[in-house]
């Protein structure tokens, strides 16, 4: 294992903690957790791709980073009366 894979494993642990916030928090906390989870998921994918030496897979975290902000805004639109 190299340092990229260790960092990716650490980010996966942080991502698991954010799922607790997304499932158990209040509605505002869930929105923040969703946005942060999108950011951490794309960073985790970049670390794991670099660790496994697969540069052709960099399209997936780039797409996730671009679409995660939009998904958070759609979630905020649907729950705007409770925010």
PDB file of N, CA and C in Angstrom:
ATOM      1  N   UNK A   1       0.840  -1.181   0.000  1.00  0.00           N
ATOM      2  CA  UNK A   1       0.000   0.000   0.000  1.00  0.00           C
ATOM      3  C   UNK A   1       0.883   1.242   0.000  1.00  0.00           C
ATOM      4  N   UNK A   2       0.475   2.220  -0.735  1.00  0.00           N
ATOM      5  CA  UNK A   2       1.219   3.476  -0.757  1.00  0.00           C
ATOM      6  C   UNK A   2       0.444   4.549   0.010  1.00  0.00           C
ATOM      7  N   UNK A   3       1.012   5.739   0.053  1.00  0.00           N
ATOM      8  CA  UNK A   3       0.431   6.826   0.844  1.00  0.00           C
ATOM      9  C   UNK A   3      -0.907   7.283   0.289  1.00  0.00           C
ATOM     10  N   UNK A   4      -1.110   7.148  -1.033  1.00  0.00           N
ATOM     11  CA  UNK A   4      -2.384   7.549  -1.642  1.00  0.00           C
ATOM     12  C   UNK A   4      -3.522   6.657  -1.147  1.00  0.00           C
ATOM     13  N   UNK A   5      -3.258   5.377  -1.033  1.00  0.00           N
ATOM     14  CA  UNK A   5      -4.294   4.456  -0.564  1.00  0.00           C
ATOM     15  C   UNK A   5      -4.592   4.647   0.921  1.00  0.00           C
ATOM     16  N   UNK A   6      -3.566   4.953   1.703  1.00  0.00           N
ATOM     17  CA  UNK A   6      -3.806   5.242   3.118  1.00  0.00           C
ATOM     18  C   UNK A   6      -4.658   6.501   3.274  1.00  0.00           C
ATOM     19  N   UNK A   7      -4.360   7.520   2.487  1.00  0.00           N
ATOM     20  CA  UNK A   7      -5.149   8.756   2.554  1.00  0.00           C
ATOM     21  C   UNK A   7      -6.578   8.500   2.084  1.00  0.00           C
ATOM     22  N   UNK A   8      -6.754   7.674   1.058  1.00  0.00           N
ATOM     23  CA  UNK A   8      -8.093   7.329   0.590  1.00  0.00           C
ATOM     24  C   UNK A   8      -8.884   6.574   1.642  1.00  0.00           C
ATOM     25  N   UNK A   9      -8.220   5.685   2.366  1.00  0.00           N
ATOM     26  CA  UNK A   9      -8.896   4.954   3.442  1.00  0.00           C
ATOM     27  C   UNK A   9      -9.319   5.887   4.571  1.00  0.00           C
ATOM     28  N   UNK A  10      -8.489   6.859   4.873  1.00  0.00           N
ATOM     29  CA  UNK A  10      -8.857   7.857   5.884  1.00  0.00           C
ATOM     30  C   UNK A  10     -10.036   8.704   5.454  1.00  0.00           C
ATOM     31  N   UNK A  11     -10.066   9.046   4.174  1.00  0.00           N
ATOM     32  CA  UNK A  11     -11.202   9.822   3.662  1.00  0.00           C
ATOM     33  C   UNK A  11     -12.482   8.990   3.655  1.00  0.00           C
ATOM     34  N   UNK A  12     -12.364   7.692   3.416  1.00  0.00           N
ATOM     35  CA  UNK A  12     -13.547   6.824   3.480  1.00  0.00           C
ATOM     36  C   UNK A  12     -14.119   6.787   4.890  1.00  0.00           C
ATOM     37  N   UNK A  13     -13.261   6.810   5.906  1.00  0.00           N
ATOM     38  CA  UNK A  13     -13.730   6.860   7.288  1.00  0.00           C
ATOM     39  C   UNK A  13     -14.490   8.163   7.548  1.00  0.00           C
ATOM     40  N   UNK A  14     -13.964   9.276   7.054  1.00  0.00           N
ATOM     41  CA  UNK A  14     -14.656  10.564   7.208  1.00  0.00           C
ATOM     42  C   UNK A  14     -15.991  10.559   6.469  1.00  0.00           C
ATOM     43  N   UNK A  15     -16.038   9.893   5.336  1.00  0.00           N
ATOM     44  CA  UNK A  15     -17.268   9.805   4.567  1.00  0.00           C
ATOM     45  C   UNK A  15     -18.322   8.982   5.310  1.00  0.00           C
ATOM     46  N   UNK A  16     -17.891   7.952   6.034  1.00  0.00           N
ATOM     47  CA  UNK A  16     -18.839   7.167   6.826  1.00  0.00           C
ATOM     48  C   UNK A  16     -19.426   8.002   7.959  1.00  0.00           C
ATOM     49  N   UNK A  17     -18.632   8.879   8.546  1.00  0.00           N
ATOM     50  CA  UNK A  17     -19.150   9.734   9.606  1.00  0.00           C
ATOM     51  C   UNK A  17     -20.171  10.731   9.055  1.00  0.00           C
ATOM     52  N   UNK A  18     -19.964  11.182   7.823  1.00  0.00           N
ATOM     53  CA  UNK A  18     -20.926  12.105   7.216  1.00  0.00           C
ATOM     54  C   UNK A  18     -22.257  11.431   6.899  1.00  0.00           C
ATOM     55  N   UNK A  19     -22.247  10.132   6.653  1.00  0.00           N
ATOM     56  CA  UNK A  19     -23.517   9.453   6.406  1.00  0.00           C
ATOM     57  C   UNK A  19     -24.388   9.455   7.656  1.00  0.00           C
ATOM     58  N   UNK A  20     -23.771   9.410   8.827  1.00  0.00           N
ATOM     59  CA  UNK A  20     -24.554   9.526  10.058  1.00  0.00           C
ATOM     60  C   UNK A  20     -25.225  10.886  10.154  1.00  0.00           C
ATOM     61  N   UNK A  21     -24.526  11.925   9.764  1.00  0.00           N
ATOM     62  CA  UNK A  21     -25.112  13.267   9.777  1.00  0.00           C
ATOM     63  C   UNK A  21     -26.253  13.355   8.774  1.00  0.00           C
ATOM     64  N   UNK A  22     -26.061  12.751   7.613  1.00  0.00           N
ATOM     65  CA  UNK A  22     -27.099  12.809   6.576  1.00  0.00           C
ATOM     66  C   UNK A  22     -28.347  12.027   6.973  1.00  0.00           C
ATOM     67  N   UNK A  23     -28.203  10.973   7.759  1.00  0.00           N
ATOM     68  CA  UNK A  23     -29.348  10.165   8.139  1.00  0.00           C
ATOM     69  C   UNK A  23     -30.008  10.619   9.440  1.00  0.00           C
ATOM     70  N   UNK A  24     -29.239  11.184  10.370  1.00  0.00           N
ATOM     71  CA  UNK A  24     -29.779  11.457  11.692  1.00  0.00           C
ATOM     72  C   UNK A  24     -29.880  12.932  12.057  1.00  0.00           C
ATOM     73  N   UNK A  25     -29.326  13.826  11.266  1.00  0.00           N
ATOM     74  CA  UNK A  25     -29.338  15.236  11.613  1.00  0.00           C
ATOM     75  C   UNK A  25     -30.660  15.909  11.298  1.00  0.00           C
ATOM     76  N   UNK A  26     -30.737  17.166  11.672  1.00  0.00           N
ATOM     77  CA  UNK A  26     -31.908  17.954  11.288  1.00  0.00           C
ATOM     78  C   UNK A  26     -31.791  18.313   9.816  1.00  0.00           C
ATOM     79  N   UNK A  27     -32.820  18.921   9.269  1.00  0.00           N
ATOM     80  CA  UNK A  27     -32.887  19.098   7.825  1.00  0.00           C
ATOM     81  C   UNK A  27     -31.783  20.022   7.299  1.00  0.00           C
ATOM     82  N   UNK A  28     -31.419  21.042   8.052  1.00  0.00           N
ATOM     83  CA  UNK A  28     -30.321  21.917   7.637  1.00  0.00           C
ATOM     84  C   UNK A  28     -28.970  21.218   7.705  1.00  0.00           C
ATOM     85  N   UNK A  29     -28.804  20.413   8.743  1.00  0.00           N
ATOM     86  CA  UNK A  29     -27.565  19.643   8.880  1.00  0.00           C
ATOM     87  C   UNK A  29     -27.438  18.596   7.782  1.00  0.00           C
ATOM     88  N   UNK A  30     -28.567  18.042   7.370  1.00  0.00           N
ATOM     89  CA  UNK A  30     -28.537  17.060   6.290  1.00  0.00           C
ATOM     90  C   UNK A  30     -28.082  17.682   4.977  1.00  0.00           C
ATOM     91  N   UNK A  31     -28.526  18.902   4.729  1.00  0.00           N
ATOM     92  CA  UNK A  31     -28.108  19.594   3.503  1.00  0.00           C
ATOM     93  C   UNK A  31     -26.607  19.854   3.504  1.00  0.00           C
ATOM     94  N   UNK A  32     -26.093  20.320   4.621  1.00  0.00           N
ATOM     95  CA  UNK A  32     -24.654  20.563   4.735  1.00  0.00           C
ATOM     96  C   UNK A  32     -23.879  19.252   4.621  1.00  0.00           C
ATOM     97  N   UNK A  33     -24.393  18.196   5.240  1.00  0.00           N
ATOM     98  CA  UNK A  33     -23.748  16.890   5.142  1.00  0.00           C
ATOM     99  C   UNK A  33     -23.745  16.361   3.721  1.00  0.00           C
ATOM    100  N   UNK A  34     -24.828  16.589   2.990  1.00  0.00           N
ATOM    101  CA  UNK A  34     -24.893  16.150   1.598  1.00  0.00           C
ATOM    102  C   UNK A  34     -23.869  16.870   0.734  1.00  0.00           C
ATOM    103  N   UNK A  35     -23.750  18.170   0.902  1.00  0.00           N
ATOM    104  CA  UNK A  35     -22.766  18.936   0.130  1.00  0.00           C
ATOM    105  C   UNK A  35     -21.338  18.509   0.476  1.00  0.00           C
ATOM    106  N   UNK A  36     -21.072  18.316   1.761  1.00  0.00           N
ATOM    107  CA  UNK A  36     -19.737  17.898   2.177  1.00  0.00           C
ATOM    108  C   UNK A  36     -19.423  16.481   1.715  1.00  0.00           C
ATOM    109  N   UNK A  37     -20.434  15.616   1.724  1.00  0.00           N
ATOM    110  CA  UNK A  37     -20.222  14.237   1.278  1.00  0.00           C
ATOM    111  C   UNK A  37     -19.888  14.200  -0.209  1.00  0.00           C
ATOM    112  N   UNK A  38     -20.497  15.054  -1.005  1.00  0.00           N
ATOM    113  CA  UNK A  38     -20.156  15.114  -2.423  1.00  0.00           C
ATOM    114  C   UNK A  38     -18.713  15.540  -2.642  1.00  0.00           C
ATOM    115  N   UNK A  39     -18.278  16.515  -1.861  1.00  0.00           N
ATOM    116  CA  UNK A  39     -16.895  16.981  -1.961  1.00  0.00           C
ATOM    117  C   UNK A  39     -15.917  15.892  -1.517  1.00  0.00           C
ATOM    118  N   UNK A  40     -16.206  15.255  -0.396  1.00  0.00           N
ATOM    119  CA  UNK A  40     -15.311  14.212   0.100  1.00  0.00           C
ATOM    120  C   UNK A  40     -15.308  12.977  -0.792  1.00  0.00           C
ATOM    121  N   UNK A  41     -16.446  12.656  -1.390  1.00  0.00           N
ATOM    122  CA  UNK A  41     -16.495  11.487  -2.274  1.00  0.00           C
ATOM    123  C   UNK A  41     -15.630  11.702  -3.505  1.00  0.00           C
ATOM    124  N   UNK A  42     -15.678  12.902  -4.074  1.00  0.00           N
ATOM    125  CA  UNK A  42     -14.850  13.158  -5.251  1.00  0.00           C
ATOM    126  C   UNK A  42     -13.360  13.179  -4.885  1.00  0.00           C
ATOM    127  N   UNK A  43     -13.009  13.732  -3.732  1.00  0.00           N
ATOM    128  CA  UNK A  43     -11.615  13.720  -3.301  1.00  0.00           C
ATOM    129  C   UNK A  43     -11.134  12.304  -2.985  1.00  0.00           C
ATOM    130  N   UNK A  44     -12.005  11.498  -2.393  1.00  0.00           N
ATOM    131  CA  UNK A  44     -11.653  10.112  -2.101  1.00  0.00           C
ATOM    132  C   UNK A  44     -11.401   9.337  -3.380  1.00  0.00           C
ATOM    133  N   UNK A  45     -12.250   9.553  -4.369  1.00  0.00           N
ATOM    134  CA  UNK A  45     -12.044   8.868  -5.649  1.00  0.00           C
ATOM    135  C   UNK A  45     -10.729   9.273  -6.306  1.00  0.00           C
ATOM    136  N   UNK A  46     -10.379  10.545  -6.209  1.00  0.00           N
ATOM    137  CA  UNK A  46      -9.113  10.998  -6.788  1.00  0.00           C
ATOM    138  C   UNK A  46      -7.939  10.319  -6.090  1.00  0.00           C
ATOM    139  N   UNK A  47      -8.002  10.229  -4.770  1.00  0.00           N
ATOM    140  CA  UNK A  47      -6.914   9.575  -4.028  1.00  0.00           C
ATOM    141  C   UNK A  47      -6.809   8.094  -4.371  1.00  0.00           C
ATOM    142  N   UNK A  48      -7.942   7.408  -4.467  1.00  0.00           N
ATOM    143  CA  UNK A  48      -7.897   5.982  -4.783  1.00  0.00           C
ATOM    144  C   UNK A  48      -7.454   5.735  -6.223  1.00  0.00           C
ATOM    145  N   UNK A  49      -7.861   6.592  -7.142  1.00  0.00           N
ATOM    146  CA  UNK A  49      -7.421   6.451  -8.537  1.00  0.00           C
ATOM    147  C   UNK A  49      -5.917   6.643  -8.646  1.00  0.00           C
ATOM    148  N   UNK A  50      -5.402   7.623  -7.931  1.00  0.00           N
ATOM    149  CA  UNK A  50      -3.954   7.846  -7.943  1.00  0.00           C
ATOM    150  C   UNK A  50      -3.218   6.687  -7.274  1.00  0.00           C
ATOM    151  N   UNK A  51      -3.811   6.135  -6.210  1.00  0.00           N
ATOM    152  CA  UNK A  51      -3.179   5.023  -5.515  1.00  0.00           C
ATOM    153  C   UNK A  51      -3.129   3.752  -6.348  1.00  0.00           C
ATOM    154  N   UNK A  52      -4.170   3.512  -7.142  1.00  0.00           N
ATOM    155  CA  UNK A  52      -4.208   2.327  -7.994  1.00  0.00           C
ATOM    156  C   UNK A  52      -3.603   2.559  -9.375  1.00  0.00           C
ATOM    157  N   UNK A  53      -3.103   3.761  -9.627  1.00  0.00           N
ATOM    158  CA  UNK A  53      -2.439   4.110 -10.898  1.00  0.00           C
ATOM    159  C   UNK A  53      -3.351   3.860 -12.110  1.00  0.00           C
ATOM    160  N   UNK A  54      -4.582   4.390 -12.040  1.00  0.00           N
ATOM    161  CA  UNK A  54      -5.543   4.272 -13.143  1.00  0.00           C
ATOM    162  C   UNK A  54      -5.962   5.673 -13.596  1.00  0.00           C
ATOM    163  N   UNK A  55      -5.121   6.366 -14.355  1.00  0.00           N
ATOM    164  CA  UNK A  55      -5.447   7.751 -14.728  1.00  0.00           C
ATOM    165  C   UNK A  55      -6.640   7.878 -15.674  1.00  0.00           C
ATOM    166  N   UNK A  56      -7.058   6.794 -16.297  1.00  0.00           N
ATOM    167  CA  UNK A  56      -8.202   6.901 -17.203  1.00  0.00           C
ATOM    168  C   UNK A  56      -9.519   7.048 -16.441  1.00  0.00           C
ATOM    169  N   UNK A  57      -9.524   6.833 -15.137  1.00  0.00           N
ATOM    170  CA  UNK A  57     -10.747   6.926 -14.343  1.00  0.00           C
ATOM    171  C   UNK A  57     -10.981   8.317 -13.753  1.00  0.00           C
ATOM    172  N   UNK A  58     -10.187   9.310 -14.083  1.00  0.00           N
ATOM    173  CA  UNK A  58     -10.335  10.642 -13.507  1.00  0.00           C
ATOM    174  C   UNK A  58     -11.607  11.351 -13.956  1.00  0.00           C
ATOM    175  N   UNK A  59     -12.281  10.835 -14.970  1.00  0.00           N
ATOM    176  CA  UNK A  59     -13.517  11.457 -15.429  1.00  0.00           C
ATOM    177  C   UNK A  59     -14.631  11.332 -14.397  1.00  0.00           C
ATOM    178  N   UNK A  60     -14.681  10.227 -13.681  1.00  0.00           N
ATOM    179  CA  UNK A  60     -15.739   9.994 -12.711  1.00  0.00           C
ATOM    180  C   UNK A  60     -15.720  10.998 -11.553  1.00  0.00           C
ATOM    181  N   UNK A  61     -14.592  11.247 -10.869  1.00  0.00           N
ATOM    182  CA  UNK A  61     -14.640  12.248  -9.792  1.00  0.00           C
ATOM    183  C   UNK A  61     -14.877  13.659 -10.305  1.00  0.00           C
ATOM    184  N   UNK A  62     -14.426  13.955 -11.515  1.00  0.00           N
ATOM    185  CA  UNK A  62     -14.700  15.273 -12.078  1.00  0.00           C
ATOM    186  C   UNK A  62     -16.192  15.456 -12.310  1.00  0.00           C
ATOM    187  N   UNK A  63     -16.844  14.437 -12.839  1.00  0.00           N
ATOM    188  CA  UNK A  63     -18.286  14.502 -13.059  1.00  0.00           C
ATOM    189  C   UNK A  63     -19.030  14.587 -11.737  1.00  0.00           C
ATOM    190  N   UNK A  64     -18.601  13.817 -10.754  1.00  0.00           N
ATOM    191  CA  UNK A  64     -19.244  13.863  -9.442  1.00  0.00           C
ATOM    192  C   UNK A  64     -19.095  15.238  -8.807  1.00  0.00           C
ATOM    193  N   UNK A  65     -17.941  15.848  -8.931  1.00  0.00           N
ATOM    194  CA  UNK A  65     -17.724  17.170  -8.347  1.00  0.00           C
ATOM    195  C   UNK A  65     -18.632  18.211  -8.996  1.00  0.00           C
ATOM    196  N   UNK A  66     -18.841  18.103 -10.287  1.00  0.00           N
ATOM    197  CA  UNK A  66     -19.703  19.065 -10.969  1.00  0.00           C
ATOM    198  C   UNK A  66     -21.178  18.846 -10.661  1.00  0.00           C
ATOM    199  N   UNK A  67     -21.596  17.607 -10.511  1.00  0.00           N
ATOM    200  CA  UNK A  67     -23.014  17.309 -10.311  1.00  0.00           C
ATOM    201  C   UNK A  67     -23.440  17.322  -8.847  1.00  0.00           C
ATOM    202  N   UNK A  68     -22.517  17.226  -7.913  1.00  0.00           N
ATOM    203  CA  UNK A  68     -22.913  17.184  -6.500  1.00  0.00           C
ATOM    204  C   UNK A  68     -23.478  18.515  -6.027  1.00  0.00           C
ATOM    205  N   UNK A  69     -22.974  19.621  -6.551  1.00  0.00           N
ATOM    206  CA  UNK A  69     -23.525  20.918  -6.165  1.00  0.00           C
ATOM    207  C   UNK A  69     -24.957  21.052  -6.651  1.00  0.00           C
ATOM    208  N   UNK A  70     -25.220  20.631  -7.869  1.00  0.00           N
ATOM    209  CA  UNK A  70     -26.582  20.699  -8.398  1.00  0.00           C
ATOM    210  C   UNK A  70     -27.543  19.813  -7.639  1.00  0.00           C
ATOM    211  N   UNK A  71     -27.094  18.646  -7.227  1.00  0.00           N
ATOM    212  CA  UNK A  71     -27.978  17.763  -6.467  1.00  0.00           C
ATOM    213  C   UNK A  71     -28.302  18.353  -5.099  1.00  0.00           C
ATOM    214  N   UNK A  72     -27.351  19.043  -4.494  1.00  0.00           N
ATOM    215  CA  UNK A  72     -27.623  19.707  -3.220  1.00  0.00           C
ATOM    216  C   UNK A  72     -28.625  20.831  -3.370  1.00  0.00           C
ATOM    217  N   UNK A  73     -28.555  21.549  -4.474  1.00  0.00           N
ATOM    218  CA  UNK A  73     -29.514  22.625  -4.706  1.00  0.00           C
ATOM    219  C   UNK A  73     -30.916  22.073  -4.991  1.00  0.00           C
ATOM    220  N   UNK A  74     -31.001  20.946  -5.668  1.00  0.00           N
ATOM    221  CA  UNK A  74     -32.296  20.305  -5.898  1.00  0.00           C
ATOM    222  C   UNK A  74     -32.886  19.840  -4.570  1.00  0.00           C
ATOM    223  N   UNK A  75     -32.063  19.270  -3.696  1.00  0.00           N
ATOM    224  CA  UNK A  75     -32.517  18.851  -2.375  1.00  0.00           C
ATOM    225  C   UNK A  75     -33.006  20.057  -1.580  1.00  0.00           C
ATOM    226  N   UNK A  76     -32.295  21.166  -1.634  1.00  0.00           N
ATOM    227  CA  UNK A  76     -32.696  22.373  -0.913  1.00  0.00           C
ATOM    228  C   UNK A  76     -34.005  22.926  -1.469  1.00  0.00           C
ATOM    229  N   UNK A  77     -34.205  22.806  -2.755  1.00  0.00           N
ATOM    230  CA  UNK A  77     -35.447  23.284  -3.357  1.00  0.00           C
ATOM    231  C   UNK A  77     -36.654  22.479  -2.874  1.00  0.00           C
ATOM    232  N   UNK A  78     -36.481  21.163  -2.745  1.00  0.00           N
ATOM    233  CA  UNK A  78     -37.598  20.328  -2.322  1.00  0.00           C
ATOM    234  C   UNK A  78     -37.935  20.489  -0.837  1.00  0.00           C
ATOM    235  N   UNK A  79     -36.956  20.824  -0.027  1.00  0.00           N
ATOM    236  CA  UNK A  79     -37.210  20.956   1.414  1.00  0.00           C
ATOM    237  C   UNK A  79     -37.155  22.405   1.871  1.00  0.00           C
ATOM    238  N   UNK A  80     -37.403  23.347   0.989  1.00  0.00           N
ATOM    239  CA  UNK A  80     -37.226  24.759   1.348  1.00  0.00           C
ATOM    240  C   UNK A  80     -38.224  25.225   2.395  1.00  0.00           C
ATOM    241  N   UNK A  81     -39.379  24.619   2.486  1.00  0.00           N
ATOM    242  CA  UNK A  81     -40.333  25.084   3.492  1.00  0.00           C
ATOM    243  C   UNK A  81     -39.911  24.712   4.908  1.00  0.00           C
ATOM    244  N   UNK A  82     -39.044  23.717   5.061  1.00  0.00           N
ATOM    245  CA  UNK A  82     -38.595  23.320   6.393  1.00  0.00           C
ATOM    246  C   UNK A  82     -37.245  23.946   6.761  1.00  0.00           C
ATOM    247  N   UNK A  83     -36.579  24.591   5.822  1.00  0.00           N
ATOM    248  CA  UNK A  83     -35.278  25.194   6.134  1.00  0.00           C
ATOM    249  C   UNK A  83     -35.431  26.528   6.837  1.00  0.00           C
TER     250      UNK A  83
END
